[in-house]
Amino acid sequence: MDDHSKMLQGISMVGLANNAIAPFPGGIVLRDKETNDILGAIGCSGAAGDEDEYCALMGVHRSSAANSIITDPHSHSCSTHKE
C-alpha cells in the first residue's frame, strides 16, 4: 500500500469510528494465529513512523508469543533499516 492509500485509509477509519480514533503511523495490529481474531495493538512513538512500526514488529516477532500471534502488517516498511 502506498503512502497516499494509507492516508486515505486512515481518514476513512476516523470517519467510520465517529472521530473516536487518531490514526498515526507507528502501530501494528495483533491477531490470533489460529482464529485471526484481533487481540490488540501496539503503538510506538519517538522516531519516524516507519521506524516506530519496525520497533513494534520486532518486539512481537522476537517475543515468546511470536508463535501464537500474527501481526498486521507482517513485515516492516522501514526505509532506514535493511535486513
Protein backbone atom coordinates (compact mmCIF):
# COMPACT_ATOMS: atom_id res chain seq x y z
CA MET A 1 0.00 0.00 0.00
CA ASP A 2 1.47 3.36 -0.96
CA ASP A 3 1.55 6.43 1.30
CA HIS A 4 -1.46 8.05 -0.40
CA SER A 5 -3.57 4.91 0.08
CA LYS A 6 -2.53 4.66 3.73
CA MET A 7 -3.55 8.28 4.30
CA LEU A 8 -6.97 7.73 2.69
CA GLN A 9 -7.46 4.56 4.71
CA GLY A 10 -6.65 6.46 7.91
CA ILE A 11 -9.12 9.22 7.09
CA SER A 12 -11.81 6.65 6.34
CA MET A 13 -11.15 4.85 9.63
CA VAL A 14 -11.60 8.09 11.58
CA GLY A 15 -14.91 8.72 9.83
CA LEU A 16 -16.18 5.19 10.47
CA ALA A 17 -15.24 5.47 14.14
CA ASN A 18 -17.01 8.85 14.54
CA ASN A 19 -13.69 10.57 15.30
CA ALA A 20 -13.02 8.20 18.23
CA ILE A 21 -9.58 7.19 16.91
CA ALA A 22 -6.47 9.01 15.79
CA PRO A 23 -4.56 7.18 13.02
CA PHE A 24 -0.84 7.81 13.26
CA PRO A 25 1.96 5.73 11.75
CA GLY A 26 3.95 3.51 14.04
CA GLY A 27 1.36 0.98 15.16
CA ILE A 28 0.57 -2.62 14.38
CA VAL A 29 -2.43 -4.90 14.92
CA LEU A 30 -2.05 -8.20 16.78
CA ARG A 31 -4.13 -11.19 15.66
CA ASP A 32 -4.57 -14.73 16.95
CA LYS A 33 -2.71 -17.06 14.59
CA GLU A 34 -5.44 -19.74 14.65
CA THR A 35 -8.64 -17.66 14.57
CA ASN A 36 -7.37 -14.38 13.04
CA ASP A 37 -9.29 -12.54 15.78
CA ILE A 38 -7.89 -9.16 16.78
CA LEU A 39 -6.14 -9.41 20.15
CA GLY A 40 -4.98 -5.82 20.42
CA ALA A 41 -2.43 -3.42 19.04
CA ILE A 42 0.97 -1.92 19.77
CA GLY A 43 1.90 1.66 19.08
CA CYS A 44 5.37 3.15 19.25
CA SER A 45 6.43 6.76 19.09
CA GLY A 46 9.67 8.72 19.05
CA ALA A 47 11.09 8.23 15.59
CA ALA A 48 9.74 8.31 12.05
CA GLY A 49 6.51 6.33 11.57
CA ASP A 50 8.19 3.51 9.64
CA GLU A 51 10.90 3.21 12.34
CA ASP A 52 8.24 3.10 15.07
CA GLU A 53 6.44 0.35 13.13
CA TYR A 54 9.73 -1.58 12.87
CA CYS A 55 10.23 -1.40 16.65
CA ALA A 56 6.70 -2.65 17.33
CA LEU A 57 7.08 -5.54 14.90
CA MET A 58 10.47 -6.61 16.24
CA GLY A 59 9.13 -6.56 19.79
CA VAL A 60 6.43 -9.07 18.85
CA HIS A 61 8.45 -11.18 16.39
CA ARG A 62 11.23 -11.67 18.93
CA SER A 63 8.93 -12.37 21.89
CA SER A 64 7.84 -15.70 23.32
CA ALA A 65 4.32 -15.01 21.97
CA ALA A 66 5.52 -14.91 18.36
CA ASN A 67 4.36 -18.48 17.68
CA SER A 68 0.73 -17.69 18.53
CA ILE A 69 0.40 -14.15 17.17
CA ILE A 70 0.44 -12.69 13.69
CA THR A 71 0.96 -9.01 13.04
CA ASP A 72 -0.65 -6.67 10.57
CA PRO A 73 1.48 -5.68 8.77
CA HIS A 74 3.61 -8.81 8.92
CA SER A 75 6.80 -7.16 7.70
CA HIS A 76 8.12 -3.66 8.15
CA SER A 77 8.22 -0.79 5.68
CA CYS A 78 11.18 0.89 7.37
CA SER A 79 13.37 2.62 4.82
CA THR A 80 16.27 3.18 7.23
CA HIS A 81 16.68 -0.45 8.35
CA LYS A 82 17.62 -3.17 5.89
CA GLU A 83 17.55 -6.82 6.92
